[in-house]
Amino acid sequence: MIRSLLALCSTCLLLLAGCNKAPEPQKASEAQLTPVRFLTDWYPQPEHGGFYNALVRGYYKEAGLDVTIEPGGPNIYPTQRVPVGAGEFGMASSDIVLTTNAEG
């Protein structure tokens, strides 16, 4: 029993010894960030949490983006606003995106 436990501990230590923290990605300076406006389809809600989490944690800045999230609301349609330059990216349900693309 003790030999098995010792073997297991040794194996775990060897595996952990091979792990190391990845180097920090180089962060883009504020002047090098590309401004991006992301239009959501509704007021902030749990389904949008990943986008806001990435903003708070600085993931967009690490990727060289200065993201502004603009929430939607009633009668605000990202599929109409993105083509006229109100934002670079927009969120909509897949059926609305397909219908909008089909309509040109």
N, C-alpha and C. Protein backbone atom coordinates (compact mmCIF):
# COMPACT_ATOMS: atom_id res chain seq x y z
N MET A 1 0.82 -1.19 0.00
CA MET A 1 0.00 0.00 0.00
C MET A 1 0.87 1.26 0.00
N ILE A 2 1.90 1.28 0.83
CA ILE A 2 2.77 2.45 0.91
C ILE A 2 3.54 2.63 -0.40
N ARG A 3 3.96 1.51 -1.00
CA ARG A 3 4.68 1.61 -2.27
C ARG A 3 3.78 2.20 -3.36
N SER A 4 2.52 1.79 -3.37
CA SER A 4 1.57 2.31 -4.37
C SER A 4 1.36 3.80 -4.17
N LEU A 5 1.21 4.21 -2.92
CA LEU A 5 1.01 5.62 -2.61
C LEU A 5 2.25 6.43 -2.98
N LEU A 6 3.42 5.90 -2.69
CA LEU A 6 4.68 6.57 -3.03
C LEU A 6 4.83 6.68 -4.55
N ALA A 7 4.49 5.62 -5.26
CA ALA A 7 4.56 5.64 -6.72
C ALA A 7 3.60 6.67 -7.30
N LEU A 8 2.38 6.75 -6.74
CA LEU A 8 1.40 7.71 -7.20
C LEU A 8 1.88 9.15 -6.96
N CYS A 9 2.41 9.41 -5.77
CA CYS A 9 2.93 10.74 -5.44
C CYS A 9 4.09 11.12 -6.35
N SER A 10 4.97 10.18 -6.61
CA SER A 10 6.12 10.44 -7.49
C SER A 10 5.66 10.76 -8.89
N THR A 11 4.69 10.02 -9.37
CA THR A 11 4.15 10.27 -10.71
C THR A 11 3.52 11.65 -10.79
N CYS A 12 2.74 12.00 -9.78
CA CYS A 12 2.11 13.33 -9.75
C CYS A 12 3.16 14.43 -9.73
N LEU A 13 4.20 14.27 -8.96
CA LEU A 13 5.26 15.28 -8.90
C LEU A 13 5.96 15.42 -10.25
N LEU A 14 6.21 14.30 -10.91
CA LEU A 14 6.84 14.36 -12.23
C LEU A 14 5.94 15.08 -13.24
N LEU A 15 4.65 14.79 -13.18
CA LEU A 15 3.72 15.46 -14.09
C LEU A 15 3.65 16.95 -13.81
N LEU A 16 3.59 17.32 -12.55
CA LEU A 16 3.53 18.73 -12.20
C LEU A 16 4.83 19.47 -12.51
N ALA A 17 5.93 18.77 -12.45
CA ALA A 17 7.23 19.41 -12.75
C ALA A 17 7.28 19.85 -14.21
N GLY A 18 6.56 19.16 -15.07
CA GLY A 18 6.54 19.52 -16.49
C GLY A 18 5.63 20.69 -16.79
N CYS A 19 4.78 21.07 -15.85
CA CYS A 19 3.87 22.18 -16.05
C CYS A 19 4.59 23.49 -15.71
N ASN A 20 4.35 24.47 -16.52
CA ASN A 20 4.87 25.78 -16.17
C ASN A 20 3.93 26.82 -16.74
N LYS A 21 3.94 27.98 -16.16
CA LYS A 21 3.04 29.04 -16.57
C LYS A 21 3.47 29.56 -17.94
N ALA A 22 2.50 29.71 -18.81
CA ALA A 22 2.78 30.23 -20.15
C ALA A 22 3.22 31.68 -20.03
N PRO A 23 4.09 32.13 -20.91
CA PRO A 23 4.51 33.53 -20.85
C PRO A 23 3.33 34.47 -21.10
N GLU A 24 3.37 35.61 -20.44
CA GLU A 24 2.32 36.60 -20.60
C GLU A 24 2.35 37.14 -22.03
N PRO A 25 1.17 37.22 -22.68
CA PRO A 25 1.16 37.80 -24.02
C PRO A 25 1.49 39.29 -23.94
N GLN A 26 2.14 39.78 -24.96
CA GLN A 26 2.47 41.20 -24.97
C GLN A 26 1.20 42.00 -25.17
N LYS A 27 1.01 42.97 -24.31
CA LYS A 27 -0.18 43.80 -24.40
C LYS A 27 0.08 44.96 -25.35
N ALA A 28 -0.92 45.23 -26.17
CA ALA A 28 -0.80 46.35 -27.10
C ALA A 28 -0.95 47.65 -26.31
N SER A 29 -0.20 48.65 -26.71
CA SER A 29 -0.33 49.94 -26.05
C SER A 29 -1.66 50.55 -26.46
N GLU A 30 -2.11 51.51 -25.67
CA GLU A 30 -3.40 52.15 -25.93
C GLU A 30 -3.44 52.76 -27.34
N ALA A 31 -2.31 53.28 -27.83
CA ALA A 31 -2.28 53.91 -29.15
C ALA A 31 -2.42 52.89 -30.27
N GLN A 32 -2.06 51.65 -30.03
CA GLN A 32 -2.11 50.62 -31.06
C GLN A 32 -3.43 49.87 -31.10
N LEU A 33 -4.33 50.14 -30.18
CA LEU A 33 -5.59 49.41 -30.12
C LEU A 33 -6.53 49.84 -31.25
N THR A 34 -7.18 48.88 -31.86
CA THR A 34 -8.15 49.14 -32.90
C THR A 34 -9.53 49.33 -32.26
N PRO A 35 -10.15 50.50 -32.45
CA PRO A 35 -11.47 50.70 -31.85
C PRO A 35 -12.53 49.86 -32.55
N VAL A 36 -13.36 49.19 -31.75
CA VAL A 36 -14.43 48.34 -32.28
C VAL A 36 -15.69 48.58 -31.46
N ARG A 37 -16.81 48.76 -32.15
CA ARG A 37 -18.11 48.87 -31.46
C ARG A 37 -18.89 47.58 -31.72
N PHE A 38 -19.33 46.97 -30.63
CA PHE A 38 -20.08 45.72 -30.69
C PHE A 38 -21.50 46.01 -30.23
N LEU A 39 -22.47 45.81 -31.11
CA LEU A 39 -23.86 46.11 -30.81
C LEU A 39 -24.59 44.84 -30.39
N THR A 40 -25.17 44.85 -29.20
CA THR A 40 -25.92 43.68 -28.75
C THR A 40 -27.37 43.80 -29.18
N ASP A 41 -28.07 42.69 -29.11
CA ASP A 41 -29.46 42.67 -29.58
C ASP A 41 -30.48 43.10 -28.53
N TRP A 42 -30.03 43.30 -27.30
CA TRP A 42 -30.97 43.66 -26.24
C TRP A 42 -30.19 44.26 -25.08
N TYR A 43 -30.89 44.66 -24.05
CA TYR A 43 -30.24 45.16 -22.85
C TYR A 43 -29.28 44.10 -22.31
N PRO A 44 -28.27 44.49 -21.53
CA PRO A 44 -27.35 43.48 -20.97
C PRO A 44 -28.12 42.41 -20.20
N GLN A 45 -27.78 41.17 -20.48
CA GLN A 45 -28.43 40.04 -19.84
C GLN A 45 -27.43 38.89 -19.73
N PRO A 46 -27.77 37.84 -18.99
CA PRO A 46 -26.81 36.76 -18.76
C PRO A 46 -26.21 36.17 -20.03
N GLU A 47 -26.98 36.11 -21.11
CA GLU A 47 -26.47 35.54 -22.35
C GLU A 47 -25.31 36.35 -22.93
N HIS A 48 -25.21 37.60 -22.55
CA HIS A 48 -24.14 38.48 -23.02
C HIS A 48 -22.94 38.47 -22.08
N GLY A 49 -23.03 37.72 -21.00
CA GLY A 49 -22.02 37.75 -19.95
C GLY A 49 -20.60 37.51 -20.43
N GLY A 50 -20.42 36.62 -21.38
CA GLY A 50 -19.08 36.32 -21.88
C GLY A 50 -18.41 37.52 -22.51
N PHE A 51 -19.19 38.33 -23.24
CA PHE A 51 -18.64 39.52 -23.89
C PHE A 51 -18.21 40.55 -22.84
N TYR A 52 -19.05 40.75 -21.83
CA TYR A 52 -18.71 41.71 -20.77
C TYR A 52 -17.56 41.19 -19.91
N ASN A 53 -17.51 39.90 -19.68
CA ASN A 53 -16.42 39.30 -18.91
C ASN A 53 -15.09 39.51 -19.63
N ALA A 54 -15.09 39.28 -20.94
CA ALA A 54 -13.87 39.48 -21.72
C ALA A 54 -13.43 40.94 -21.68
N LEU A 55 -14.39 41.86 -21.66
CA LEU A 55 -14.07 43.28 -21.59
C LEU A 55 -13.42 43.62 -20.25
N VAL A 56 -14.03 43.14 -19.17
CA VAL A 56 -13.54 43.43 -17.82
C VAL A 56 -12.16 42.80 -17.59
N ARG A 57 -11.95 41.60 -18.08
CA ARG A 57 -10.68 40.91 -17.87
C ARG A 57 -9.57 41.36 -18.82
N GLY A 58 -9.90 42.21 -19.77
CA GLY A 58 -8.88 42.76 -20.66
C GLY A 58 -8.50 41.87 -21.83
N TYR A 59 -9.32 40.86 -22.14
CA TYR A 59 -8.99 39.95 -23.24
C TYR A 59 -8.98 40.67 -24.58
N TYR A 60 -9.90 41.61 -24.77
CA TYR A 60 -9.93 42.34 -26.03
C TYR A 60 -8.66 43.19 -26.20
N LYS A 61 -8.26 43.86 -25.13
CA LYS A 61 -7.03 44.68 -25.19
C LYS A 61 -5.81 43.83 -25.48
N GLU A 62 -5.76 42.62 -24.91
CA GLU A 62 -4.64 41.71 -25.20
C GLU A 62 -4.60 41.36 -26.67
N ALA A 63 -5.77 41.36 -27.31
CA ALA A 63 -5.86 41.04 -28.73
C ALA A 63 -5.70 42.28 -29.61
N GLY A 64 -5.46 43.45 -28.97
CA GLY A 64 -5.24 44.68 -29.73
C GLY A 64 -6.52 45.42 -30.09
N LEU A 65 -7.60 45.16 -29.36
CA LEU A 65 -8.88 45.79 -29.65
C LEU A 65 -9.34 46.67 -28.49
N ASP A 66 -9.88 47.82 -28.84
CA ASP A 66 -10.51 48.70 -27.86
C ASP A 66 -12.02 48.57 -28.08
N VAL A 67 -12.64 47.61 -27.40
CA VAL A 67 -14.05 47.26 -27.64
C VAL A 67 -14.97 48.10 -26.78
N THR A 68 -16.01 48.62 -27.42
CA THR A 68 -17.10 49.28 -26.73
C THR A 68 -18.34 48.46 -27.00
N ILE A 69 -19.00 48.01 -25.96
CA ILE A 69 -20.23 47.23 -26.11
C ILE A 69 -21.41 48.18 -25.96
N GLU A 70 -22.21 48.26 -27.01
CA GLU A 70 -23.39 49.12 -26.99
C GLU A 70 -24.64 48.25 -26.89
N PRO A 71 -25.35 48.33 -25.78
CA PRO A 71 -26.53 47.49 -25.62
C PRO A 71 -27.66 47.93 -26.54
N GLY A 72 -28.46 46.96 -26.94
CA GLY A 72 -29.63 47.25 -27.77
C GLY A 72 -30.83 47.53 -26.89
N GLY A 73 -31.97 47.33 -27.47
CA GLY A 73 -33.22 47.57 -26.76
C GLY A 73 -34.36 47.47 -27.74
N PRO A 74 -35.55 47.92 -27.33
CA PRO A 74 -36.68 47.85 -28.24
C PRO A 74 -36.44 48.72 -29.48
N ASN A 75 -36.77 48.19 -30.62
CA ASN A 75 -36.65 48.89 -31.91
C ASN A 75 -35.22 49.29 -32.25
N ILE A 76 -34.25 48.61 -31.69
CA ILE A 76 -32.84 48.82 -32.05
C ILE A 76 -32.35 47.51 -32.64
N TYR A 77 -32.04 47.53 -33.92
CA TYR A 77 -31.69 46.30 -34.62
C TYR A 77 -30.25 46.36 -35.12
N PRO A 78 -29.35 45.58 -34.55
CA PRO A 78 -27.96 45.57 -35.02
C PRO A 78 -27.84 45.25 -36.51
N THR A 79 -28.74 44.43 -37.04
CA THR A 79 -28.67 44.07 -38.46
C THR A 79 -28.96 45.27 -39.36
N GLN A 80 -29.58 46.32 -38.83
CA GLN A 80 -29.79 47.55 -39.59
C GLN A 80 -28.71 48.58 -39.30
N ARG A 81 -28.14 48.52 -38.11
CA ARG A 81 -27.17 49.53 -37.70
C ARG A 81 -25.75 49.25 -38.20
N VAL A 82 -25.35 47.96 -38.24
CA VAL A 82 -24.00 47.62 -38.69
C VAL A 82 -23.76 48.05 -40.15
N PRO A 83 -24.69 47.78 -41.08
CA PRO A 83 -24.42 48.17 -42.47
C PRO A 83 -24.27 49.67 -42.70
N VAL A 84 -24.82 50.50 -41.81
CA VAL A 84 -24.70 51.94 -41.98
C VAL A 84 -23.55 52.52 -41.16
N GLY A 85 -22.73 51.66 -40.54
CA GLY A 85 -21.54 52.11 -39.85
C GLY A 85 -21.72 52.48 -38.39
N ALA A 86 -22.85 52.11 -37.78
CA ALA A 86 -23.06 52.42 -36.36
C ALA A 86 -22.27 51.50 -35.46
N GLY A 87 -21.72 50.44 -36.02
CA GLY A 87 -20.90 49.50 -35.27
C GLY A 87 -20.21 48.56 -36.24
N GLU A 88 -19.14 47.94 -35.76
CA GLU A 88 -18.40 47.02 -36.62
C GLU A 88 -18.97 45.60 -36.56
N PHE A 89 -19.53 45.24 -35.40
CA PHE A 89 -20.09 43.91 -35.19
C PHE A 89 -21.43 44.05 -34.50
N GLY A 90 -22.32 43.10 -34.76
CA GLY A 90 -23.61 43.11 -34.10
C GLY A 90 -24.05 41.71 -33.75
N MET A 91 -24.95 41.64 -32.82
CA MET A 91 -25.47 40.36 -32.35
C MET A 91 -26.93 40.25 -32.77
N ALA A 92 -27.29 39.08 -33.27
CA ALA A 92 -28.68 38.80 -33.60
C ALA A 92 -28.86 37.29 -33.63
N SER A 93 -30.10 36.86 -33.56
CA SER A 93 -30.35 35.42 -33.63
C SER A 93 -30.05 34.92 -35.04
N SER A 94 -29.75 33.65 -35.16
CA SER A 94 -29.32 33.09 -36.44
C SER A 94 -30.38 33.25 -37.53
N ASP A 95 -31.66 33.13 -37.20
CA ASP A 95 -32.68 33.28 -38.23
C ASP A 95 -32.76 34.71 -38.74
N ILE A 96 -32.54 35.68 -37.89
CA ILE A 96 -32.54 37.08 -38.33
C ILE A 96 -31.33 37.35 -39.21
N VAL A 97 -30.18 36.82 -38.85
CA VAL A 97 -28.97 36.99 -39.66
C VAL A 97 -29.17 36.38 -41.04
N LEU A 98 -29.72 35.17 -41.11
CA LEU A 98 -29.96 34.53 -42.41
C LEU A 98 -30.95 35.30 -43.25
N THR A 99 -32.02 35.78 -42.63
CA THR A 99 -33.02 36.57 -43.37
C THR A 99 -32.43 37.88 -43.86
N THR A 100 -31.66 38.55 -43.01
CA THR A 100 -31.04 39.82 -43.39
C THR A 100 -30.07 39.62 -44.54
N ASN A 101 -29.25 38.57 -44.47
CA ASN A 101 -28.30 38.28 -45.56
C ASN A 101 -29.05 37.97 -46.85
N ALA A 102 -30.15 37.23 -46.77
CA ALA A 102 -30.92 36.89 -47.96
C ALA A 102 -31.54 38.14 -48.61
N GLU A 103 -31.84 39.13 -47.77
CA GLU A 103 -32.44 40.37 -48.27
C GLU A 103 -31.39 41.35 -48.78
N GLY A 104 -30.14 40.99 -48.61
CA GLY A 104 -29.05 41.84 -49.10
C GLY A 104 -28.65 42.90 -48.13
